[in-house]
Amino acid sequence: MALLKQAVRAANTNAVLRTLAPAACRTLTAPALHTVDLQKSASPLVANTVLGEPLGKRNAGVSVLGCAIAMVAVGGCAQGIGQLFAALVVGMARNPSMKEDLFTYTLIGMGFLEFLAIVVILIAEI
């Protein structure tokens, strides 16, 4: 308990935290809510620069989310390949005479899953 009181006292007396708190609040506000007076700026290039910067920051976060969703899909493709080869082992154990045919079908299925993984990664890059 004494350690908690000491930490609270140190946080209250720390001048750095007091100066950073307003900046942190400004950072967390949505850039789309800020109004820009476009009539004051004479050049439309300046207006585009002001409006384009928060949009670029927002797109960076969306691209990270897109990559995360793509990685989940690629993980699903990897799981599908594992299930294909597990089914190949079970099929070869049940009917060893069909070994070549089962392996051919497994490679065709693996090709489809790899194609799906590549398409997901390409879509995530866009």
N, C-alpha and C. Protein backbone atom coordinates (compact mmCIF):
# COMPACT_ATOMS: atom_id res chain seq x y z
N MET A 1 0.82 -1.19 0.00
CA MET A 1 0.00 0.00 0.00
C MET A 1 0.86 1.25 0.00
N ALA A 2 1.96 1.19 0.74
CA ALA A 2 2.86 2.34 0.81
C ALA A 2 3.50 2.59 -0.54
N LEU A 3 3.79 1.52 -1.27
CA LEU A 3 4.38 1.66 -2.60
C LEU A 3 3.40 2.34 -3.55
N LEU A 4 2.12 2.00 -3.43
CA LEU A 4 1.10 2.63 -4.26
C LEU A 4 0.97 4.11 -3.95
N LYS A 5 0.99 4.47 -2.68
CA LYS A 5 0.91 5.88 -2.31
C LYS A 5 2.13 6.65 -2.81
N GLN A 6 3.29 6.00 -2.74
CA GLN A 6 4.51 6.65 -3.23
C GLN A 6 4.44 6.86 -4.74
N ALA A 7 3.89 5.89 -5.47
CA ALA A 7 3.77 6.03 -6.92
C ALA A 7 2.78 7.14 -7.28
N VAL A 8 1.68 7.24 -6.53
CA VAL A 8 0.70 8.30 -6.79
C VAL A 8 1.32 9.66 -6.51
N ARG A 9 2.07 9.78 -5.42
CA ARG A 9 2.72 11.05 -5.11
C ARG A 9 3.73 11.44 -6.18
N ALA A 10 4.49 10.45 -6.68
CA ALA A 10 5.48 10.75 -7.72
C ALA A 10 4.79 11.17 -9.01
N ALA A 11 3.66 10.56 -9.33
CA ALA A 11 2.94 10.93 -10.55
C ALA A 11 2.34 12.32 -10.44
N ASN A 12 1.88 12.68 -9.26
CA ASN A 12 1.29 14.00 -9.07
C ASN A 12 2.33 15.11 -9.13
N THR A 13 3.53 14.83 -8.67
CA THR A 13 4.56 15.87 -8.65
C THR A 13 5.38 15.92 -9.93
N ASN A 14 5.20 14.96 -10.79
CA ASN A 14 6.01 14.90 -12.01
C ASN A 14 5.49 15.95 -13.01
N ALA A 15 6.35 16.88 -13.35
CA ALA A 15 5.95 17.95 -14.28
C ALA A 15 5.88 17.46 -15.71
N VAL A 16 6.60 16.40 -16.03
CA VAL A 16 6.59 15.89 -17.39
C VAL A 16 5.22 15.34 -17.75
N LEU A 17 4.59 14.65 -16.81
CA LEU A 17 3.26 14.11 -17.09
C LEU A 17 2.24 15.22 -17.30
N ARG A 18 2.40 16.30 -16.57
CA ARG A 18 1.44 17.40 -16.74
C ARG A 18 1.58 18.06 -18.11
N THR A 19 2.80 18.11 -18.63
CA THR A 19 2.98 18.73 -19.95
C THR A 19 2.57 17.78 -21.08
N LEU A 20 2.66 16.47 -20.85
CA LEU A 20 2.32 15.52 -21.91
C LEU A 20 0.83 15.20 -21.97
N ALA A 21 0.10 15.43 -20.92
CA ALA A 21 -1.32 15.08 -20.91
C ALA A 21 -2.13 15.81 -21.98
N PRO A 22 -1.98 17.14 -22.17
CA PRO A 22 -2.76 17.78 -23.24
C PRO A 22 -2.37 17.29 -24.63
N ALA A 23 -1.08 16.99 -24.82
CA ALA A 23 -0.65 16.48 -26.13
C ALA A 23 -1.24 15.11 -26.38
N ALA A 24 -1.33 14.29 -25.35
CA ALA A 24 -1.92 12.96 -25.52
C ALA A 24 -3.40 13.06 -25.85
N CYS A 25 -4.09 14.01 -25.25
CA CYS A 25 -5.51 14.19 -25.55
C CYS A 25 -5.71 14.66 -26.98
N ARG A 26 -4.83 15.54 -27.45
CA ARG A 26 -4.93 16.00 -28.84
C ARG A 26 -4.64 14.88 -29.81
N THR A 27 -3.74 13.97 -29.43
CA THR A 27 -3.40 12.86 -30.32
C THR A 27 -4.56 11.90 -30.47
N LEU A 28 -5.30 11.70 -29.39
CA LEU A 28 -6.37 10.72 -29.42
C LEU A 28 -7.66 11.23 -30.06
N THR A 29 -7.75 12.51 -30.32
CA THR A 29 -8.97 13.02 -30.95
C THR A 29 -8.96 12.67 -32.43
N ALA A 30 -10.12 12.50 -32.99
CA ALA A 30 -10.23 12.10 -34.39
C ALA A 30 -9.85 13.26 -35.30
N PRO A 31 -8.94 13.03 -36.26
CA PRO A 31 -8.54 14.11 -37.17
C PRO A 31 -9.68 14.55 -38.08
N ALA A 32 -10.64 13.68 -38.32
CA ALA A 32 -11.74 14.05 -39.20
C ALA A 32 -12.65 15.10 -38.57
N LEU A 33 -12.62 15.22 -37.24
CA LEU A 33 -13.48 16.17 -36.56
C LEU A 33 -12.90 17.59 -36.55
N HIS A 34 -11.62 17.73 -36.87
CA HIS A 34 -11.02 19.05 -36.91
C HIS A 34 -11.51 19.80 -38.15
N THR A 35 -11.93 21.02 -37.96
CA THR A 35 -12.39 21.81 -39.09
C THR A 35 -11.25 22.68 -39.59
N VAL A 36 -11.14 22.76 -40.87
CA VAL A 36 -10.10 23.56 -41.50
C VAL A 36 -10.80 24.66 -42.30
N ASP A 37 -10.39 25.87 -42.07
CA ASP A 37 -10.98 26.98 -42.79
C ASP A 37 -10.31 27.07 -44.16
N LEU A 38 -11.00 26.56 -45.18
CA LEU A 38 -10.42 26.50 -46.52
C LEU A 38 -10.41 27.86 -47.20
N GLN A 39 -11.23 28.78 -46.75
CA GLN A 39 -11.27 30.08 -47.40
C GLN A 39 -10.06 30.92 -47.04
N LYS A 40 -9.41 30.65 -45.91
CA LYS A 40 -8.22 31.40 -45.54
C LYS A 40 -7.03 31.03 -46.40
N SER A 41 -6.97 29.77 -46.82
CA SER A 41 -5.82 29.36 -47.62
C SER A 41 -6.07 29.72 -49.07
N ALA A 42 -5.09 30.37 -49.67
CA ALA A 42 -5.24 30.81 -51.04
C ALA A 42 -4.98 29.67 -52.02
N SER A 43 -4.12 28.75 -51.65
CA SER A 43 -3.75 27.68 -52.55
C SER A 43 -4.53 26.42 -52.22
N PRO A 44 -5.10 25.74 -53.23
CA PRO A 44 -5.78 24.48 -52.94
C PRO A 44 -4.80 23.38 -52.57
N LEU A 45 -3.52 23.56 -52.91
CA LEU A 45 -2.50 22.58 -52.57
C LEU A 45 -2.31 22.51 -51.06
N VAL A 46 -2.39 23.65 -50.40
CA VAL A 46 -2.25 23.68 -48.94
C VAL A 46 -3.44 22.97 -48.29
N ALA A 47 -4.62 23.18 -48.83
CA ALA A 47 -5.81 22.54 -48.28
C ALA A 47 -5.73 21.03 -48.44
N ASN A 48 -5.22 20.55 -49.59
CA ASN A 48 -5.09 19.12 -49.79
C ASN A 48 -4.05 18.52 -48.86
N THR A 49 -3.00 19.27 -48.60
CA THR A 49 -1.97 18.76 -47.69
C THR A 49 -2.52 18.61 -46.29
N VAL A 50 -3.29 19.57 -45.85
CA VAL A 50 -3.85 19.51 -44.51
C VAL A 50 -4.86 18.38 -44.40
N LEU A 51 -5.70 18.22 -45.40
CA LEU A 51 -6.74 17.19 -45.33
C LEU A 51 -6.19 15.81 -45.64
N GLY A 52 -5.12 15.73 -46.42
CA GLY A 52 -4.60 14.42 -46.81
C GLY A 52 -3.79 13.74 -45.75
N GLU A 53 -3.20 14.50 -44.84
CA GLU A 53 -2.30 13.89 -43.86
C GLU A 53 -3.03 12.98 -42.87
N PRO A 54 -4.13 13.39 -42.26
CA PRO A 54 -4.82 12.45 -41.36
C PRO A 54 -5.37 11.24 -42.10
N LEU A 55 -5.76 11.41 -43.37
CA LEU A 55 -6.27 10.29 -44.14
C LEU A 55 -5.19 9.24 -44.33
N GLY A 56 -3.96 9.68 -44.58
CA GLY A 56 -2.85 8.75 -44.73
C GLY A 56 -2.58 7.99 -43.46
N LYS A 57 -2.66 8.66 -42.34
CA LYS A 57 -2.45 7.98 -41.06
C LYS A 57 -3.55 6.96 -40.81
N ARG A 58 -4.76 7.30 -41.20
CA ARG A 58 -5.88 6.38 -40.99
C ARG A 58 -5.75 5.16 -41.90
N ASN A 59 -5.26 5.34 -43.13
CA ASN A 59 -5.10 4.20 -44.03
C ASN A 59 -4.01 3.25 -43.55
N ALA A 60 -3.03 3.77 -42.83
CA ALA A 60 -1.97 2.90 -42.32
C ALA A 60 -2.56 1.90 -41.34
N GLY A 61 -3.45 2.32 -40.49
CA GLY A 61 -4.07 1.39 -39.54
C GLY A 61 -4.96 0.37 -40.22
N VAL A 62 -5.66 0.80 -41.25
CA VAL A 62 -6.53 -0.12 -41.98
C VAL A 62 -5.70 -1.17 -42.71
N SER A 63 -4.53 -0.79 -43.23
CA SER A 63 -3.69 -1.77 -43.91
C SER A 63 -3.15 -2.79 -42.93
N VAL A 64 -2.88 -2.38 -41.71
CA VAL A 64 -2.42 -3.34 -40.69
C VAL A 64 -3.54 -4.33 -40.38
N LEU A 65 -4.77 -3.84 -40.27
CA LEU A 65 -5.89 -4.74 -40.04
C LEU A 65 -6.10 -5.69 -41.21
N GLY A 66 -5.94 -5.19 -42.42
CA GLY A 66 -6.06 -6.04 -43.60
C GLY A 66 -5.02 -7.13 -43.63
N CYS A 67 -3.80 -6.78 -43.24
CA CYS A 67 -2.74 -7.79 -43.19
C CYS A 67 -3.03 -8.84 -42.12
N ALA A 68 -3.58 -8.40 -40.99
CA ALA A 68 -3.90 -9.36 -39.93
C ALA A 68 -4.99 -10.33 -40.39
N ILE A 69 -5.99 -9.81 -41.08
CA ILE A 69 -7.06 -10.68 -41.58
C ILE A 69 -6.50 -11.64 -42.64
N ALA A 70 -5.57 -11.15 -43.46
CA ALA A 70 -4.96 -12.02 -44.47
C ALA A 70 -4.15 -13.12 -43.82
N MET A 71 -3.46 -12.81 -42.73
CA MET A 71 -2.67 -13.84 -42.06
C MET A 71 -3.55 -14.91 -41.43
N VAL A 72 -4.74 -14.53 -40.99
CA VAL A 72 -5.68 -15.53 -40.49
C VAL A 72 -6.10 -16.45 -41.63
N ALA A 73 -6.34 -15.89 -42.81
CA ALA A 73 -6.73 -16.70 -43.97
C ALA A 73 -5.58 -17.60 -44.40
N VAL A 74 -4.35 -17.12 -44.35
CA VAL A 74 -3.20 -17.95 -44.72
C VAL A 74 -3.03 -19.07 -43.69
N GLY A 75 -3.29 -18.78 -42.43
CA GLY A 75 -3.26 -19.84 -41.43
C GLY A 75 -4.31 -20.90 -41.69
N GLY A 76 -5.48 -20.49 -42.17
CA GLY A 76 -6.51 -21.45 -42.55
C GLY A 76 -6.08 -22.32 -43.73
N CYS A 77 -5.35 -21.73 -44.66
CA CYS A 77 -4.83 -22.52 -45.79
C CYS A 77 -3.80 -23.53 -45.30
N ALA A 78 -2.97 -23.13 -44.36
CA ALA A 78 -1.98 -24.06 -43.81
C ALA A 78 -2.67 -25.21 -43.07
N GLN A 79 -3.74 -24.89 -42.36
CA GLN A 79 -4.50 -25.93 -41.68
C GLN A 79 -5.13 -26.88 -42.69
N GLY A 80 -5.61 -26.34 -43.79
CA GLY A 80 -6.20 -27.18 -44.83
C GLY A 80 -5.19 -28.12 -45.46
N ILE A 81 -3.94 -27.65 -45.64
CA ILE A 81 -2.90 -28.51 -46.19
C ILE A 81 -2.58 -29.63 -45.20
N GLY A 82 -2.55 -29.29 -43.93
CA GLY A 82 -2.32 -30.33 -42.91
C GLY A 82 -3.42 -31.38 -42.92
N GLN A 83 -4.65 -30.93 -43.06
CA GLN A 83 -5.76 -31.89 -43.11
C GLN A 83 -5.72 -32.74 -44.37
N LEU A 84 -5.25 -32.15 -45.47
CA LEU A 84 -5.11 -32.93 -46.71
C LEU A 84 -4.14 -34.07 -46.53
N PHE A 85 -2.98 -33.79 -45.95
CA PHE A 85 -1.98 -34.84 -45.80
C PHE A 85 -2.39 -35.83 -44.71
N ALA A 86 -3.14 -35.39 -43.71
CA ALA A 86 -3.67 -36.33 -42.72
C ALA A 86 -4.65 -37.29 -43.39
N ALA A 87 -5.49 -36.77 -44.27
CA ALA A 87 -6.43 -37.62 -45.00
C ALA A 87 -5.69 -38.56 -45.95
N LEU A 88 -4.55 -38.08 -46.50
CA LEU A 88 -3.75 -38.95 -47.37
C LEU A 88 -3.20 -40.14 -46.57
N VAL A 89 -2.72 -39.90 -45.38
CA VAL A 89 -2.18 -40.98 -44.55
C VAL A 89 -3.29 -41.97 -44.19
N VAL A 90 -4.45 -41.45 -43.82
CA VAL A 90 -5.57 -42.34 -43.47
C VAL A 90 -6.01 -43.13 -44.69
N GLY A 91 -6.10 -42.48 -45.83
CA GLY A 91 -6.52 -43.18 -47.06
C GLY A 91 -5.53 -44.24 -47.48
N MET A 92 -4.23 -43.95 -47.34
CA MET A 92 -3.22 -44.95 -47.71
C MET A 92 -3.22 -46.11 -46.72
N ALA A 93 -3.57 -45.83 -45.46
CA ALA A 93 -3.64 -46.92 -44.48
C ALA A 93 -4.84 -47.82 -44.76
N ARG A 94 -5.91 -47.26 -45.26
CA ARG A 94 -7.11 -48.07 -45.53
C ARG A 94 -7.00 -48.84 -46.85
N ASN A 95 -6.40 -48.21 -47.86
CA ASN A 95 -6.31 -48.85 -49.17
C ASN A 95 -4.94 -48.55 -49.78
N PRO A 96 -3.94 -49.35 -49.48
CA PRO A 96 -2.58 -49.07 -49.97
C PRO A 96 -2.44 -49.15 -51.49
N SER A 97 -3.34 -49.85 -52.15
CA SER A 97 -3.22 -49.98 -53.61
C SER A 97 -3.56 -48.67 -54.33
N MET A 98 -4.26 -47.75 -53.67
CA MET A 98 -4.63 -46.46 -54.28
C MET A 98 -3.63 -45.36 -53.95
N LYS A 99 -2.42 -45.74 -53.54
CA LYS A 99 -1.45 -44.77 -53.04
C LYS A 99 -1.14 -43.68 -54.07
N GLU A 100 -0.88 -44.04 -55.31
CA GLU A 100 -0.50 -43.05 -56.33
C GLU A 100 -1.66 -42.10 -56.65
N ASP A 101 -2.87 -42.64 -56.75
CA ASP A 101 -4.03 -41.80 -57.05
C ASP A 101 -4.32 -40.83 -55.91
N LEU A 102 -4.24 -41.34 -54.67
CA LEU A 102 -4.50 -40.47 -53.53
C LEU A 102 -3.46 -39.35 -53.44
N PHE A 103 -2.21 -39.70 -53.72
CA PHE A 103 -1.16 -38.67 -53.66
C PHE A 103 -1.37 -37.61 -54.74
N THR A 104 -1.82 -38.03 -55.93
CA THR A 104 -2.11 -37.08 -57.01
C THR A 104 -3.24 -36.13 -56.61
N TYR A 105 -4.30 -36.69 -56.03
CA TYR A 105 -5.41 -35.84 -55.58
C TYR A 105 -4.99 -34.89 -54.46
N THR A 106 -4.10 -35.38 -53.60
CA THR A 106 -3.61 -34.53 -52.51
C THR A 106 -2.80 -33.36 -53.07
N LEU A 107 -1.96 -33.62 -54.06
CA LEU A 107 -1.17 -32.53 -54.65
C LEU A 107 -2.05 -31.52 -55.38
N ILE A 108 -3.11 -32.01 -56.03
CA ILE A 108 -4.03 -31.08 -56.69
C ILE A 108 -4.73 -30.21 -55.65
N GLY A 109 -5.18 -30.82 -54.55
CA GLY A 109 -5.81 -30.04 -53.48
C GLY A 109 -4.85 -29.06 -52.84
N MET A 110 -3.59 -29.48 -52.67
CA MET A 110 -2.60 -28.56 -52.10
C MET A 110 -2.33 -27.39 -53.04
N GLY A 111 -2.36 -27.66 -54.34
CA GLY A 111 -2.19 -26.58 -55.30
C GLY A 111 -3.31 -25.55 -55.21
N PHE A 112 -4.54 -26.03 -55.05
CA PHE A 112 -5.67 -25.11 -54.89
C PHE A 112 -5.54 -24.28 -53.61
N LEU A 113 -5.11 -24.92 -52.53
CA LEU A 113 -4.96 -24.18 -51.27
C LEU A 113 -3.83 -23.16 -51.34
N GLU A 114 -2.74 -23.52 -52.00
CA GLU A 114 -1.64 -22.56 -52.16
C GLU A 114 -2.09 -21.38 -53.04
N PHE A 115 -2.87 -21.68 -54.06
CA PHE A 115 -3.39 -20.60 -54.91
C PHE A 115 -4.28 -19.66 -54.10
N LEU A 116 -5.11 -20.24 -53.23
CA LEU A 116 -5.97 -19.43 -52.37
C LEU A 116 -5.14 -18.55 -51.44
N ALA A 117 -4.07 -19.10 -50.88
CA ALA A 117 -3.22 -18.32 -49.99
C ALA A 117 -2.55 -17.17 -50.74
N ILE A 118 -2.10 -17.42 -51.95
CA ILE A 118 -1.45 -16.37 -52.76
C ILE A 118 -2.46 -15.29 -53.11
N VAL A 119 -3.68 -15.66 -53.48
CA VAL A 119 -4.69 -14.67 -53.81
C VAL A 119 -5.03 -13.82 -52.59
N VAL A 120 -5.11 -14.43 -51.42
CA VAL A 120 -5.42 -13.67 -50.20
C VAL A 120 -4.32 -12.66 -49.90
N ILE A 121 -3.07 -13.08 -50.06
CA ILE A 121 -1.95 -12.16 -49.81
C ILE A 121 -1.96 -11.02 -50.84
N LEU A 122 -2.25 -11.32 -52.09
CA LEU A 122 -2.29 -10.27 -53.11
C LEU A 122 -3.41 -9.29 -52.86
N ILE A 123 -4.56 -9.77 -52.42
CA ILE A 123 -5.67 -8.87 -52.12
C ILE A 123 -5.34 -8.00 -50.90
N ALA A 124 -4.63 -8.57 -49.94
CA ALA A 124 -4.27 -7.80 -48.75
C ALA A 124 -3.29 -6.68 -49.07
N GLU A 125 -2.47 -6.84 -50.10
CA GLU A 125 -1.52 -5.80 -50.49
C GLU A 125 -2.22 -4.61 -51.12
N ILE A 126 -3.34 -4.83 -51.74
CA ILE A 126 -4.07 -3.72 -52.37
C ILE A 126 -4.67 -2.89 -51.32
